[in-house]
Amino acid sequence: MNRLVLAAHVVERGAMRYTPAGLPALDLTLQSDSEVTQNGQLRKVSLQIRAVAIGDITRPAQALVLGNPAQFAGFLAPSRNGKGVVFHVTSIATEEPDVQPG
């Protein structure tokens, strides 16, 4: 299974673009700062990850306020150049009801 759920906030958002199939696409950079327990020890984790929203999810992704926390869910896929991964966002949850996918 390839499923990722990440609490993060948007630090960069590209301009709306369209895939060759005509779907809207929005490139994002997400920042996540969290604490996790690993092997019984508390660990602080801070990371940035490249993400993309494609299709209907671009509307709520575009409405997110930079820096406001949200929960992103989706899957990981290789980047087009084959170096690294891109988080493909398929759903976004916030405390603001108007940012839910419709």
PDB file of N, CA and C in Angstrom:
ATOM      1  N   MET A   1       0.848  -1.184   0.000  1.00  0.00           N
ATOM      2  CA  MET A   1       0.000   0.000   0.000  1.00  0.00           C
ATOM      3  C   MET A   1       0.890   1.242   0.000  1.00  0.00           C
ATOM      4  N   ASN A   2       0.521   2.207  -0.770  1.00  0.00           N
ATOM      5  CA  ASN A   2       1.248   3.466  -0.879  1.00  0.00           C
ATOM      6  C   ASN A   2       0.295   4.570  -0.448  1.00  0.00           C
ATOM      7  N   ARG A   3       0.308   4.926   0.842  1.00  0.00           N
ATOM      8  CA  ARG A   3      -0.609   5.928   1.389  1.00  0.00           C
ATOM      9  C   ARG A   3       0.153   6.755   2.401  1.00  0.00           C
ATOM     10  N   LEU A   4       0.060   8.064   2.284  1.00  0.00           N
ATOM     11  CA  LEU A   4       0.739   8.965   3.202  1.00  0.00           C
ATOM     12  C   LEU A   4      -0.268   9.973   3.740  1.00  0.00           C
ATOM     13  N   VAL A   5      -0.243  10.176   5.049  1.00  0.00           N
ATOM     14  CA  VAL A   5      -1.030  11.228   5.699  1.00  0.00           C
ATOM     15  C   VAL A   5      -0.026  12.085   6.452  1.00  0.00           C
ATOM     16  N   LEU A   6      -0.055  13.384   6.202  1.00  0.00           N
ATOM     17  CA  LEU A   6       0.953  14.280   6.747  1.00  0.00           C
ATOM     18  C   LEU A   6       0.314  15.559   7.261  1.00  0.00           C
ATOM     19  N   ALA A   7       0.606  15.897   8.516  1.00  0.00           N
ATOM     20  CA  ALA A   7       0.212  17.197   9.065  1.00  0.00           C
ATOM     21  C   ALA A   7       1.291  18.185   8.650  1.00  0.00           C
ATOM     22  N   ALA A   8       0.909  19.229   7.932  1.00  0.00           N
ATOM     23  CA  ALA A   8       1.893  20.160   7.380  1.00  0.00           C
ATOM     24  C   ALA A   8       1.220  21.483   7.057  1.00  0.00           C
ATOM     25  N   HIS A   9       2.013  22.414   6.555  1.00  0.00           N
ATOM     26  CA  HIS A   9       1.478  23.668   6.032  1.00  0.00           C
ATOM     27  C   HIS A   9       2.204  23.991   4.730  1.00  0.00           C
ATOM     28  N   VAL A  10       1.528  24.740   3.881  1.00  0.00           N
ATOM     29  CA  VAL A  10       2.083  25.121   2.586  1.00  0.00           C
ATOM     30  C   VAL A  10       3.051  26.278   2.791  1.00  0.00           C
ATOM     31  N   VAL A  11       4.279  26.110   2.282  1.00  0.00           N
ATOM     32  CA  VAL A  11       5.261  27.204   2.341  1.00  0.00           C
ATOM     33  C   VAL A  11       5.486  27.830   0.968  1.00  0.00           C
ATOM     34  N   GLU A  12       5.188  27.082  -0.098  1.00  0.00           N
ATOM     35  CA  GLU A  12       5.263  27.621  -1.461  1.00  0.00           C
ATOM     36  C   GLU A  12       4.142  27.011  -2.294  1.00  0.00           C
ATOM     37  N   ARG A  13       3.601  27.822  -3.171  1.00  0.00           N
ATOM     38  CA  ARG A  13       2.548  27.349  -4.077  1.00  0.00           C
ATOM     39  C   ARG A  13       2.837  27.916  -5.459  1.00  0.00           C
ATOM     40  N   GLY A  14       2.923  27.038  -6.443  1.00  0.00           N
ATOM     41  CA  GLY A  14       3.167  27.474  -7.810  1.00  0.00           C
ATOM     42  C   GLY A  14       1.912  28.012  -8.458  1.00  0.00           C
ATOM     43  N   ALA A  15       2.054  28.473  -9.673  1.00  0.00           N
ATOM     44  CA  ALA A  15       0.903  28.938 -10.447  1.00  0.00           C
ATOM     45  C   ALA A  15       0.135  27.730 -10.969  1.00  0.00           C
ATOM     46  N   MET A  16      -1.153  27.893 -11.129  1.00  0.00           N
ATOM     47  CA  MET A  16      -1.978  26.822 -11.694  1.00  0.00           C
ATOM     48  C   MET A  16      -1.468  26.507 -13.098  1.00  0.00           C
ATOM     49  N   ARG A  17      -1.351  25.224 -13.383  1.00  0.00           N
ATOM     50  CA  ARG A  17      -0.937  24.774 -14.708  1.00  0.00           C
ATOM     51  C   ARG A  17      -1.881  23.650 -15.117  1.00  0.00           C
ATOM     52  N   TYR A  18      -1.689  23.121 -16.299  1.00  0.00           N
ATOM     53  CA  TYR A  18      -2.555  22.036 -16.781  1.00  0.00           C
ATOM     54  C   TYR A  18      -1.705  20.895 -17.312  1.00  0.00           C
ATOM     55  N   THR A  19      -2.116  19.675 -17.006  1.00  0.00           N
ATOM     56  CA  THR A  19      -1.418  18.493 -17.495  1.00  0.00           C
ATOM     57  C   THR A  19      -1.697  18.339 -18.981  1.00  0.00           C
ATOM     58  N   PRO A  20      -0.925  17.485 -19.670  1.00  0.00           N
ATOM     59  CA  PRO A  20      -1.210  17.236 -21.094  1.00  0.00           C
ATOM     60  C   PRO A  20      -2.636  16.715 -21.331  1.00  0.00           C
ATOM     61  N   ALA A  21      -3.218  16.076 -20.314  1.00  0.00           N
ATOM     62  CA  ALA A  21      -4.592  15.583 -20.428  1.00  0.00           C
ATOM     63  C   ALA A  21      -5.627  16.676 -20.140  1.00  0.00           C
ATOM     64  N   GLY A  22      -5.154  17.895 -19.824  1.00  0.00           N
ATOM     65  CA  GLY A  22      -6.062  19.015 -19.581  1.00  0.00           C
ATOM     66  C   GLY A  22      -6.527  19.162 -18.146  1.00  0.00           C
ATOM     67  N   LEU A  23      -5.957  18.399 -17.220  1.00  0.00           N
ATOM     68  CA  LEU A  23      -6.352  18.507 -15.810  1.00  0.00           C
ATOM     69  C   LEU A  23      -5.580  19.638 -15.134  1.00  0.00           C
ATOM     70  N   PRO A  24      -6.239  20.392 -14.243  1.00  0.00           N
ATOM     71  CA  PRO A  24      -5.513  21.423 -13.503  1.00  0.00           C
ATOM     72  C   PRO A  24      -4.512  20.766 -12.552  1.00  0.00           C
ATOM     73  N   ALA A  25      -3.367  21.406 -12.390  1.00  0.00           N
ATOM     74  CA  ALA A  25      -2.323  20.898 -11.498  1.00  0.00           C
ATOM     75  C   ALA A  25      -1.701  22.067 -10.749  1.00  0.00           C
ATOM     76  N   LEU A  26      -1.367  21.821  -9.494  1.00  0.00           N
ATOM     77  CA  LEU A  26      -0.811  22.864  -8.643  1.00  0.00           C
ATOM     78  C   LEU A  26       0.367  22.275  -7.873  1.00  0.00           C
ATOM     79  N   ASP A  27       1.563  22.832  -8.062  1.00  0.00           N
ATOM     80  CA  ASP A  27       2.751  22.380  -7.344  1.00  0.00           C
ATOM     81  C   ASP A  27       2.829  23.093  -6.000  1.00  0.00           C
ATOM     82  N   LEU A  28       3.171  22.316  -4.956  1.00  0.00           N
ATOM     83  CA  LEU A  28       3.242  22.837  -3.597  1.00  0.00           C
ATOM     84  C   LEU A  28       4.550  22.400  -2.953  1.00  0.00           C
ATOM     85  N   THR A  29       4.993  23.163  -1.973  1.00  0.00           N
ATOM     86  CA  THR A  29       6.034  22.717  -1.058  1.00  0.00           C
ATOM     87  C   THR A  29       5.408  22.727   0.319  1.00  0.00           C
ATOM     88  N   LEU A  30       5.444  21.566   0.979  1.00  0.00           N
ATOM     89  CA  LEU A  30       4.849  21.418   2.297  1.00  0.00           C
ATOM     90  C   LEU A  30       5.934  21.346   3.355  1.00  0.00           C
ATOM     91  N   GLN A  31       5.688  21.950   4.510  1.00  0.00           N
ATOM     92  CA  GLN A  31       6.593  21.899   5.666  1.00  0.00           C
ATOM     93  C   GLN A  31       5.871  21.170   6.788  1.00  0.00           C
ATOM     94  N   SER A  32       6.525  20.163   7.351  1.00  0.00           N
ATOM     95  CA  SER A  32       5.960  19.413   8.472  1.00  0.00           C
ATOM     96  C   SER A  32       6.946  19.433   9.629  1.00  0.00           C
ATOM     97  N   ASP A  33       6.461  19.798  10.808  1.00  0.00           N
ATOM     98  CA  ASP A  33       7.258  19.791  12.035  1.00  0.00           C
ATOM     99  C   ASP A  33       6.478  18.971  13.052  1.00  0.00           C
ATOM    100  N   SER A  34       7.076  17.896  13.533  1.00  0.00           N
ATOM    101  CA  SER A  34       6.347  17.021  14.442  1.00  0.00           C
ATOM    102  C   SER A  34       7.290  16.353  15.426  1.00  0.00           C
ATOM    103  N   GLU A  35       6.690  15.674  16.388  1.00  0.00           N
ATOM    104  CA  GLU A  35       7.438  14.840  17.325  1.00  0.00           C
ATOM    105  C   GLU A  35       6.880  13.435  17.207  1.00  0.00           C
ATOM    106  N   VAL A  36       7.770  12.464  17.101  1.00  0.00           N
ATOM    107  CA  VAL A  36       7.376  11.065  17.000  1.00  0.00           C
ATOM    108  C   VAL A  36       8.186  10.252  17.993  1.00  0.00           C
ATOM    109  N   THR A  37       7.677   9.088  18.323  1.00  0.00           N
ATOM    110  CA  THR A  37       8.412   8.179  19.191  1.00  0.00           C
ATOM    111  C   THR A  37       9.040   7.104  18.314  1.00  0.00           C
ATOM    112  N   GLN A  38      10.333   6.956  18.449  1.00  0.00           N
ATOM    113  CA  GLN A  38      11.065   5.945  17.692  1.00  0.00           C
ATOM    114  C   GLN A  38      11.926   5.157  18.675  1.00  0.00           C
ATOM    115  N   ASN A  39      11.678   3.860  18.740  1.00  0.00           N
ATOM    116  CA  ASN A  39      12.430   2.985  19.637  1.00  0.00           C
ATOM    117  C   ASN A  39      12.369   3.479  21.080  1.00  0.00           C
ATOM    118  N   GLY A  40      11.192   3.977  21.478  1.00  0.00           N
ATOM    119  CA  GLY A  40      10.979   4.444  22.842  1.00  0.00           C
ATOM    120  C   GLY A  40      11.514   5.830  23.129  1.00  0.00           C
ATOM    121  N   GLN A  41      12.086   6.488  22.142  1.00  0.00           N
ATOM    122  CA  GLN A  41      12.654   7.816  22.335  1.00  0.00           C
ATOM    123  C   GLN A  41      11.870   8.851  21.529  1.00  0.00           C
ATOM    124  N   LEU A  42      11.641  10.016  22.155  1.00  0.00           N
ATOM    125  CA  LEU A  42      10.969  11.106  21.459  1.00  0.00           C
ATOM    126  C   LEU A  42      11.948  11.742  20.474  1.00  0.00           C
ATOM    127  N   ARG A  43      11.461  11.985  19.252  1.00  0.00           N
ATOM    128  CA  ARG A  43      12.310  12.544  18.198  1.00  0.00           C
ATOM    129  C   ARG A  43      11.564  13.670  17.498  1.00  0.00           C
ATOM    130  N   LYS A  44      12.229  14.805  17.314  1.00  0.00           N
ATOM    131  CA  LYS A  44      11.661  15.910  16.551  1.00  0.00           C
ATOM    132  C   LYS A  44      12.000  15.698  15.083  1.00  0.00           C
ATOM    133  N   VAL A  45      10.990  15.852  14.230  1.00  0.00           N
ATOM    134  CA  VAL A  45      11.173  15.669  12.798  1.00  0.00           C
ATOM    135  C   VAL A  45      10.678  16.925  12.093  1.00  0.00           C
ATOM    136  N   SER A  46      11.536  17.494  11.276  1.00  0.00           N
ATOM    137  CA  SER A  46      11.180  18.666  10.489  1.00  0.00           C
ATOM    138  C   SER A  46      11.586  18.374   9.055  1.00  0.00           C
ATOM    139  N   LEU A  47      10.629  18.532   8.115  1.00  0.00           N
ATOM    140  CA  LEU A  47      10.950  18.226   6.726  1.00  0.00           C
ATOM    141  C   LEU A  47      10.125  19.073   5.785  1.00  0.00           C
ATOM    142  N   GLN A  48      10.668  19.238   4.587  1.00  0.00           N
ATOM    143  CA  GLN A  48       9.923  19.829   3.479  1.00  0.00           C
ATOM    144  C   GLN A  48       9.805  18.766   2.407  1.00  0.00           C
ATOM    145  N   ILE A  49       8.659  18.728   1.743  1.00  0.00           N
ATOM    146  CA  ILE A  49       8.436  17.758   0.686  1.00  0.00           C
ATOM    147  C   ILE A  49       7.729  18.430  -0.479  1.00  0.00           C
ATOM    148  N   ARG A  50       8.141  18.060  -1.679  1.00  0.00           N
ATOM    149  CA  ARG A  50       7.453  18.564  -2.871  1.00  0.00           C
ATOM    150  C   ARG A  50       6.151  17.808  -3.018  1.00  0.00           C
ATOM    151  N   ALA A  51       5.106  18.519  -3.373  1.00  0.00           N
ATOM    152  CA  ALA A  51       3.787  17.906  -3.515  1.00  0.00           C
ATOM    153  C   ALA A  51       3.106  18.471  -4.754  1.00  0.00           C
ATOM    154  N   VAL A  52       2.116  17.729  -5.240  1.00  0.00           N
ATOM    155  CA  VAL A  52       1.331  18.196  -6.377  1.00  0.00           C
ATOM    156  C   VAL A  52      -0.125  17.805  -6.147  1.00  0.00           C
ATOM    157  N   ALA A  53      -1.005  18.710  -6.477  1.00  0.00           N
ATOM    158  CA  ALA A  53      -2.452  18.460  -6.457  1.00  0.00           C
ATOM    159  C   ALA A  53      -2.910  18.471  -7.911  1.00  0.00           C
ATOM    160  N   ILE A  54      -3.627  17.432  -8.316  1.00  0.00           N
ATOM    161  CA  ILE A  54      -4.089  17.328  -9.700  1.00  0.00           C
ATOM    162  C   ILE A  54      -5.581  17.071  -9.716  1.00  0.00           C
ATOM    163  N   GLY A  55      -6.291  17.803 -10.559  1.00  0.00           N
ATOM    164  CA  GLY A  55      -7.734  17.603 -10.692  1.00  0.00           C
ATOM    165  C   GLY A  55      -8.518  18.478  -9.727  1.00  0.00           C
ATOM    166  N   ASP A  56      -9.649  17.948  -9.247  1.00  0.00           N
ATOM    167  CA  ASP A  56     -10.549  18.727  -8.392  1.00  0.00           C
ATOM    168  C   ASP A  56      -9.912  19.219  -7.103  1.00  0.00           C
ATOM    169  N   ILE A  57      -8.893  18.518  -6.600  1.00  0.00           N
ATOM    170  CA  ILE A  57      -8.254  18.907  -5.337  1.00  0.00           C
ATOM    171  C   ILE A  57      -7.455  20.206  -5.469  1.00  0.00           C
ATOM    172  N   THR A  58      -7.224  20.667  -6.704  1.00  0.00           N
ATOM    173  CA  THR A  58      -6.475  21.916  -6.871  1.00  0.00           C
ATOM    174  C   THR A  58      -7.229  23.118  -6.300  1.00  0.00           C
ATOM    175  N   ARG A  59      -8.550  23.081  -6.365  1.00  0.00           N
ATOM    176  CA  ARG A  59      -9.335  24.214  -5.849  1.00  0.00           C
ATOM    177  C   ARG A  59      -9.135  24.406  -4.342  1.00  0.00           C
ATOM    178  N   PRO A  60      -9.331  23.349  -3.512  1.00  0.00           N
ATOM    179  CA  PRO A  60      -9.061  23.547  -2.087  1.00  0.00           C
ATOM    180  C   PRO A  60      -7.581  23.788  -1.784  1.00  0.00           C
ATOM    181  N   ALA A  61      -6.679  23.224  -2.583  1.00  0.00           N
ATOM    182  CA  ALA A  61      -5.251  23.456  -2.361  1.00  0.00           C
ATOM    183  C   ALA A  61      -4.895  24.914  -2.625  1.00  0.00           C
ATOM    184  N   GLN A  62      -5.505  25.495  -3.629  1.00  0.00           N
ATOM    185  CA  GLN A  62      -5.247  26.894  -3.962  1.00  0.00           C
ATOM    186  C   GLN A  62      -5.826  27.831  -2.896  1.00  0.00           C
ATOM    187  N   ALA A  63      -6.886  27.398  -2.220  1.00  0.00           N
ATOM    188  CA  ALA A  63      -7.533  28.227  -1.208  1.00  0.00           C
ATOM    189  C   ALA A  63      -6.809  28.225   0.133  1.00  0.00           C
ATOM    190  N   LEU A  64      -5.870  27.295   0.331  1.00  0.00           N
ATOM    191  CA  LEU A  64      -5.147  27.240   1.603  1.00  0.00           C
ATOM    192  C   LEU A  64      -4.338  28.508   1.824  1.00  0.00           C
ATOM    193  N   VAL A  65      -4.362  29.002   3.049  1.00  0.00           N
ATOM    194  CA  VAL A  65      -3.557  30.160   3.421  1.00  0.00           C
ATOM    195  C   VAL A  65      -2.154  29.662   3.748  1.00  0.00           C
ATOM    196  N   LEU A  66      -1.142  30.268   3.128  1.00  0.00           N
ATOM    197  CA  LEU A  66       0.242  29.867   3.410  1.00  0.00           C
ATOM    198  C   LEU A  66       0.496  29.918   4.910  1.00  0.00           C
ATOM    199  N   GLY A  67       1.081  28.848   5.443  1.00  0.00           N
ATOM    200  CA  GLY A  67       1.422  28.803   6.864  1.00  0.00           C
ATOM    201  C   GLY A  67       0.354  28.211   7.762  1.00  0.00           C
ATOM    202  N   ASN A  68      -0.889  28.095   7.282  1.00  0.00           N
ATOM    203  CA  ASN A  68      -1.948  27.514   8.108  1.00  0.00           C
ATOM    204  C   ASN A  68      -1.857  25.992   8.072  1.00  0.00           C
ATOM    205  N   PRO A  69      -2.000  25.329   9.224  1.00  0.00           N
ATOM    206  CA  PRO A  69      -1.870  23.873   9.260  1.00  0.00           C
ATOM    207  C   PRO A  69      -3.040  23.169   8.579  1.00  0.00           C
ATOM    208  N   ALA A  70      -2.723  22.019   8.011  1.00  0.00           N
ATOM    209  CA  ALA A  70      -3.739  21.178   7.374  1.00  0.00           C
ATOM    210  C   ALA A  70      -3.235  19.739   7.419  1.00  0.00           C
ATOM    211  N   GLN A  71      -4.139  18.824   7.152  1.00  0.00           N
ATOM    212  CA  GLN A  71      -3.761  17.420   7.043  1.00  0.00           C
ATOM    213  C   GLN A  71      -3.915  17.009   5.590  1.00  0.00           C
ATOM    214  N   PHE A  72      -2.819  16.540   5.005  1.00  0.00           N
ATOM    215  CA  PHE A  72      -2.775  16.154   3.602  1.00  0.00           C
ATOM    216  C   PHE A  72      -2.696  14.639   3.510  1.00  0.00           C
ATOM    217  N   ALA A  73      -3.451  14.056   2.599  1.00  0.00           N
ATOM    218  CA  ALA A  73      -3.383  12.620   2.360  1.00  0.00           C
ATOM    219  C   ALA A  73      -3.170  12.390   0.879  1.00  0.00           C
ATOM    220  N   GLY A  74      -2.504  11.294   0.561  1.00  0.00           N
ATOM    221  CA  GLY A  74      -2.251  10.971  -0.830  1.00  0.00           C
ATOM    222  C   GLY A  74      -1.267   9.834  -0.941  1.00  0.00           C
ATOM    223  N   PHE A  75      -0.439   9.879  -1.983  1.00  0.00           N
ATOM    224  CA  PHE A  75       0.520   8.801  -2.228  1.00  0.00           C
ATOM    225  C   PHE A  75       1.821   9.387  -2.765  1.00  0.00           C
ATOM    226  N   LEU A  76       2.883   8.600  -2.673  1.00  0.00           N
ATOM    227  CA  LEU A  76       4.190   9.008  -3.178  1.00  0.00           C
ATOM    228  C   LEU A  76       4.432   8.402  -4.552  1.00  0.00           C
ATOM    229  N   ALA A  77       5.048   9.181  -5.430  1.00  0.00           N
ATOM    230  CA  ALA A  77       5.403   8.706  -6.762  1.00  0.00           C
ATOM    231  C   ALA A  77       6.756   9.304  -7.125  1.00  0.00           C
ATOM    232  N   PRO A  78       7.490   8.653  -8.021  1.00  0.00           N
ATOM    233  CA  PRO A  78       8.771   9.235  -8.430  1.00  0.00           C
ATOM    234  C   PRO A  78       8.551  10.541  -9.184  1.00  0.00           C
ATOM    235  N   SER A  79       9.514  11.450  -9.044  1.00  0.00           N
ATOM    236  CA  SER A  79       9.423  12.688  -9.809  1.00  0.00           C
ATOM    237  C   SER A  79       9.661  12.370 -11.276  1.00  0.00           C
ATOM    238  N   ARG A  80       9.275  13.295 -12.133  1.00  0.00           N
ATOM    239  CA  ARG A  80       9.385  13.047 -13.582  1.00  0.00           C
ATOM    240  C   ARG A  80      10.824  12.837 -14.031  1.00  0.00           C
ATOM    241  N   ASN A  81      11.775  13.465 -13.344  1.00  0.00           N
ATOM    242  CA  ASN A  81      13.180  13.292 -13.731  1.00  0.00           C
ATOM    243  C   ASN A  81      13.806  12.061 -13.066  1.00  0.00           C
ATOM    244  N   GLY A  82      13.028  11.352 -12.245  1.00  0.00           N
ATOM    245  CA  GLY A  82      13.506  10.129 -11.615  1.00  0.00           C
ATOM    246  C   GLY A  82      14.346  10.345 -10.377  1.00  0.00           C
ATOM    247  N   LYS A  83      14.528  11.598  -9.958  1.00  0.00           N
ATOM    248  CA  LYS A  83      15.327  11.896  -8.766  1.00  0.00           C
ATOM    249  C   LYS A  83      14.404  12.357  -7.651  1.00  0.00           C
ATOM    250  N   GLY A  84      14.227  11.524  -6.659  1.00  0.00           N
ATOM    251  CA  GLY A  84      13.391  11.876  -5.533  1.00  0.00           C
ATOM    252  C   GLY A  84      11.938  11.473  -5.745  1.00  0.00           C
ATOM    253  N   VAL A  85      11.104  11.885  -4.791  1.00  0.00           N
ATOM    254  CA  VAL A  85       9.685  11.552  -4.831  1.00  0.00           C
ATOM    255  C   VAL A  85       8.841  12.819  -4.756  1.00  0.00           C
ATOM    256  N   VAL A  86       7.606  12.684  -5.189  1.00  0.00           N
ATOM    257  CA  VAL A  86       6.627  13.771  -5.105  1.00  0.00           C
ATOM    258  C   VAL A  86       5.406  13.210  -4.394  1.00  0.00           C
ATOM    259  N   PHE A  87       4.885  13.962  -3.449  1.00  0.00           N
ATOM    260  CA  PHE A  87       3.684  13.611  -2.704  1.00  0.00           C
ATOM    261  C   PHE A  87       2.483  14.065  -3.531  1.00  0.00           C
ATOM    262  N   HIS A  88       1.694  13.130  -4.048  1.00  0.00           N
ATOM    263  CA  HIS A  88       0.488  13.446  -4.812  1.00  0.00           C
ATOM    264  C   HIS A  88      -0.675  13.564  -3.828  1.00  0.00           C
ATOM    265  N   VAL A  89      -1.139  14.782  -3.608  1.00  0.00           N
ATOM    266  CA  VAL A  89      -2.194  15.055  -2.631  1.00  0.00           C
ATOM    267  C   VAL A  89      -3.550  14.715  -3.238  1.00  0.00           C
ATOM    268  N   THR A  90      -4.310  13.880  -2.523  1.00  0.00           N
ATOM    269  CA  THR A  90      -5.645  13.502  -2.982  1.00  0.00           C
ATOM    270  C   THR A  90      -6.745  14.014  -2.068  1.00  0.00           C
ATOM    271  N   SER A  91      -6.389  14.427  -0.831  1.00  0.00           N
ATOM    272  CA  SER A  91      -7.384  15.043   0.050  1.00  0.00           C
ATOM    273  C   SER A  91      -6.690  15.986   1.024  1.00  0.00           C
ATOM    274  N   ILE A  92      -7.451  16.992   1.450  1.00  0.00           N
ATOM    275  CA  ILE A  92      -6.956  18.005   2.381  1.00  0.00           C
ATOM    276  C   ILE A  92      -8.020  18.216   3.445  1.00  0.00           C
ATOM    277  N   ALA A  93      -7.598  18.197   4.708  1.00  0.00           N
ATOM    278  CA  ALA A  93      -8.523  18.468   5.807  1.00  0.00           C
ATOM    279  C   ALA A  93      -7.988  19.644   6.615  1.00  0.00           C
ATOM    280  N   THR A  94      -8.857  20.610   6.860  1.00  0.00           N
ATOM    281  CA  THR A  94      -8.513  21.761   7.694  1.00  0.00           C
ATOM    282  C   THR A  94      -9.682  22.014   8.626  1.00  0.00           C
ATOM    283  N   GLU A  95      -9.522  23.024   9.474  1.00  0.00           N
ATOM    284  CA  GLU A  95     -10.625  23.425  10.337  1.00  0.00           C
ATOM    285  C   GLU A  95     -11.610  24.315   9.602  1.00  0.00           C
ATOM    286  N   GLU A  96     -11.231  24.762   8.399  1.00  0.00           N
ATOM    287  CA  GLU A  96     -12.100  25.609   7.598  1.00  0.00           C
ATOM    288  C   GLU A  96     -12.944  24.734   6.670  1.00  0.00           C
ATOM    289  N   PRO A  97     -14.265  24.725   6.805  1.00  0.00           N
ATOM    290  CA  PRO A  97     -15.090  23.831   6.011  1.00  0.00           C
ATOM    291  C   PRO A  97     -15.039  24.112   4.506  1.00  0.00           C
ATOM    292  N   ASP A  98     -14.693  25.328   4.081  1.00  0.00           N
ATOM    293  CA  ASP A  98     -14.703  25.644   2.647  1.00  0.00           C
ATOM    294  C   ASP A  98     -13.457  25.154   1.927  1.00  0.00           C
ATOM    295  N   VAL A  99     -12.528  24.480   2.628  1.00  0.00           N
ATOM    296  CA  VAL A  99     -11.306  24.009   1.998  1.00  0.00           C
ATOM    297  C   VAL A  99     -11.354  22.497   1.786  1.00  0.00           C
ATOM    298  N   GLN A 100     -12.487  21.870   2.044  1.00  0.00           N
ATOM    299  CA  GLN A 100     -12.660  20.435   1.812  1.00  0.00           C
ATOM    300  C   GLN A 100     -12.908  20.185   0.345  1.00  0.00           C
ATOM    301  N   PRO A 101     -12.364  19.060  -0.177  1.00  0.00           N
ATOM    302  CA  PRO A 101     -12.641  18.741  -1.584  1.00  0.00           C
ATOM    303  C   PRO A 101     -14.132  18.555  -1.818  1.00  0.00           C
ATOM    304  N   GLY A 102     -14.609  19.018  -2.938  1.00  0.00           N
ATOM    305  CA  GLY A 102     -16.047  18.966  -3.187  1.00  0.00           C
ATOM    306  C   GLY A 102     -16.345  18.143  -4.324  1.00  0.00           C
TER     307      GLY A 102
END
